[in-house]
């Protein structure tokens, strides 16, 4: 349980840029479908990033 708690910071760091209000304008995400699609693309990119990070280490 402690290991899972310590790894939480790693996940939070990967999603930190999404919390930045300047990352993407609200004009682009005016429709719920676009918000959902953007979220899926971001999740996929974080997963690919994580895989490459593990392969490099």
N, C-alpha and C. Protein backbone atom coordinates (compact mmCIF):
# COMPACT_ATOMS: atom_id res chain seq x y z
N UNK A 1 0.83 -1.19 0.00
CA UNK A 1 0.00 0.00 0.00
C UNK A 1 0.87 1.26 0.00
N UNK A 2 1.96 1.20 0.74
CA UNK A 2 2.86 2.35 0.78
C UNK A 2 3.51 2.59 -0.58
N UNK A 3 3.84 1.51 -1.28
CA UNK A 3 4.44 1.64 -2.61
C UNK A 3 3.47 2.32 -3.57
N UNK A 4 2.20 1.92 -3.52
CA UNK A 4 1.19 2.54 -4.39
C UNK A 4 1.03 4.02 -4.07
N UNK A 5 1.11 4.36 -2.79
CA UNK A 5 0.99 5.77 -2.39
C UNK A 5 2.18 6.58 -2.91
N UNK A 6 3.37 6.01 -2.83
CA UNK A 6 4.55 6.73 -3.30
C UNK A 6 4.54 6.90 -4.81
N UNK A 7 3.96 5.96 -5.54
CA UNK A 7 3.90 6.06 -6.99
C UNK A 7 2.84 7.05 -7.46
N UNK A 8 2.00 7.50 -6.56
CA UNK A 8 0.96 8.46 -6.91
C UNK A 8 1.58 9.75 -7.44
N UNK A 9 2.70 10.14 -6.87
CA UNK A 9 3.36 11.38 -7.30
C UNK A 9 3.81 11.28 -8.75
N UNK A 10 4.22 10.10 -9.18
CA UNK A 10 4.63 9.90 -10.57
C UNK A 10 3.47 10.16 -11.52
N UNK A 11 2.31 9.64 -11.17
CA UNK A 11 1.12 9.83 -12.00
C UNK A 11 0.73 11.30 -12.01
N UNK A 12 0.76 11.93 -10.85
CA UNK A 12 0.40 13.35 -10.77
C UNK A 12 1.33 14.21 -11.62
N UNK A 13 2.61 13.89 -11.63
CA UNK A 13 3.56 14.67 -12.44
C UNK A 13 3.28 14.54 -13.92
N UNK A 14 2.83 13.38 -14.35
CA UNK A 14 2.55 13.18 -15.77
C UNK A 14 1.33 13.97 -16.22
N UNK A 15 0.39 14.19 -15.33
CA UNK A 15 -0.83 14.91 -15.69
C UNK A 15 -0.80 16.38 -15.28
N UNK A 16 0.33 16.84 -14.78
CA UNK A 16 0.42 18.22 -14.30
C UNK A 16 0.15 19.23 -15.42
N UNK A 17 0.63 18.95 -16.62
CA UNK A 17 0.44 19.90 -17.71
C UNK A 17 -1.03 20.05 -18.09
N UNK A 18 -1.85 19.04 -17.82
CA UNK A 18 -3.27 19.15 -18.13
C UNK A 18 -4.00 20.12 -17.21
N UNK A 19 -3.45 20.33 -16.03
CA UNK A 19 -4.07 21.23 -15.07
C UNK A 19 -3.76 22.69 -15.38
N UNK A 20 -2.83 22.92 -16.28
CA UNK A 20 -2.45 24.27 -16.66
C UNK A 20 -3.54 24.87 -17.55
N UNK A 21 -4.13 26.00 -17.15
CA UNK A 21 -5.22 26.58 -17.95
C UNK A 21 -4.75 27.09 -19.32
N UNK A 22 -3.46 27.31 -19.50
CA UNK A 22 -2.95 27.81 -20.77
C UNK A 22 -2.57 26.68 -21.73
N UNK A 23 -2.76 25.43 -21.32
CA UNK A 23 -2.37 24.30 -22.17
C UNK A 23 -3.17 24.28 -23.47
N UNK A 24 -4.46 24.44 -23.37
CA UNK A 24 -5.31 24.44 -24.57
C UNK A 24 -6.46 25.42 -24.32
N UNK A 25 -6.81 26.14 -25.34
CA UNK A 25 -7.87 27.13 -25.21
C UNK A 25 -9.25 26.52 -25.08
N UNK A 26 -10.13 27.19 -24.39
CA UNK A 26 -11.50 26.71 -24.21
C UNK A 26 -12.28 26.79 -25.52
N UNK A 27 -11.84 27.61 -26.46
CA UNK A 27 -12.54 27.72 -27.74
C UNK A 27 -12.52 26.40 -28.50
N UNK A 28 -11.41 25.70 -28.40
CA UNK A 28 -11.29 24.43 -29.11
C UNK A 28 -12.19 23.35 -28.51
N UNK A 29 -12.35 23.37 -27.20
CA UNK A 29 -13.11 22.32 -26.52
C UNK A 29 -14.52 22.78 -26.17
N UNK A 30 -15.20 23.38 -27.09
CA UNK A 30 -16.53 23.90 -26.78
C UNK A 30 -17.61 22.83 -26.83
N UNK A 31 -17.33 21.68 -27.44
CA UNK A 31 -18.31 20.60 -27.51
C UNK A 31 -17.88 19.45 -26.60
N UNK A 32 -18.83 18.79 -25.95
CA UNK A 32 -18.48 17.67 -25.06
C UNK A 32 -17.75 16.54 -25.79
N UNK A 33 -18.09 16.30 -27.04
CA UNK A 33 -17.41 15.24 -27.80
C UNK A 33 -15.92 15.56 -27.98
N UNK A 34 -15.62 16.83 -28.18
CA UNK A 34 -14.22 17.23 -28.33
C UNK A 34 -13.46 17.07 -27.02
N UNK A 35 -14.12 17.41 -25.92
CA UNK A 35 -13.48 17.24 -24.61
C UNK A 35 -13.17 15.77 -24.36
N UNK A 36 -14.12 14.91 -24.67
CA UNK A 36 -13.92 13.48 -24.47
C UNK A 36 -12.80 12.95 -25.38
N UNK A 37 -12.79 13.36 -26.63
CA UNK A 37 -11.75 12.92 -27.56
C UNK A 37 -10.38 13.41 -27.11
N UNK A 38 -10.32 14.64 -26.64
CA UNK A 38 -9.05 15.20 -26.16
C UNK A 38 -8.55 14.42 -24.95
N UNK A 39 -9.46 14.06 -24.06
CA UNK A 39 -9.07 13.28 -22.88
C UNK A 39 -8.51 11.92 -23.28
N UNK A 40 -9.14 11.26 -24.25
CA UNK A 40 -8.64 9.97 -24.72
C UNK A 40 -7.26 10.10 -25.37
N UNK A 41 -7.07 11.13 -26.16
CA UNK A 41 -5.77 11.34 -26.79
C UNK A 41 -4.70 11.59 -25.74
N UNK A 42 -5.02 12.37 -24.73
CA UNK A 42 -4.05 12.65 -23.67
C UNK A 42 -3.71 11.40 -22.87
N UNK A 43 -4.72 10.58 -22.58
CA UNK A 43 -4.46 9.32 -21.86
C UNK A 43 -3.57 8.40 -22.69
N UNK A 44 -3.84 8.31 -23.97
CA UNK A 44 -3.03 7.47 -24.85
C UNK A 44 -1.59 7.98 -24.91
N UNK A 45 -1.42 9.29 -25.00
CA UNK A 45 -0.07 9.84 -25.08
C UNK A 45 0.70 9.61 -23.78
N UNK A 46 0.03 9.69 -22.64
CA UNK A 46 0.70 9.42 -21.36
C UNK A 46 1.08 7.95 -21.26
N UNK A 47 0.23 7.05 -21.75
CA UNK A 47 0.57 5.63 -21.72
C UNK A 47 1.76 5.33 -22.62
N UNK A 48 1.80 5.91 -23.80
CA UNK A 48 2.93 5.70 -24.71
C UNK A 48 4.21 6.26 -24.09
N UNK A 49 4.10 7.43 -23.49
CA UNK A 49 5.25 8.04 -22.82
C UNK A 49 5.77 7.13 -21.71
N UNK A 50 4.88 6.55 -20.95
CA UNK A 50 5.27 5.66 -19.85
C UNK A 50 5.97 4.41 -20.37
N UNK A 51 5.46 3.86 -21.46
CA UNK A 51 6.08 2.66 -22.04
C UNK A 51 7.50 2.98 -22.51
N UNK A 52 7.66 4.08 -23.22
CA UNK A 52 8.99 4.46 -23.69
C UNK A 52 9.93 4.75 -22.53
N UNK A 53 9.41 5.34 -21.49
CA UNK A 53 10.23 5.63 -20.32
C UNK A 53 10.73 4.34 -19.68
N UNK A 54 9.87 3.33 -19.59
CA UNK A 54 10.28 2.03 -19.03
C UNK A 54 11.29 1.34 -19.93
N UNK A 55 11.10 1.43 -21.24
CA UNK A 55 12.04 0.78 -22.17
C UNK A 55 13.42 1.43 -22.12
N UNK A 56 13.46 2.72 -21.95
CA UNK A 56 14.74 3.43 -21.90
C UNK A 56 15.49 3.12 -20.62
N UNK A 57 14.77 3.00 -19.53
CA UNK A 57 15.42 2.69 -18.25
C UNK A 57 15.83 1.26 -18.28
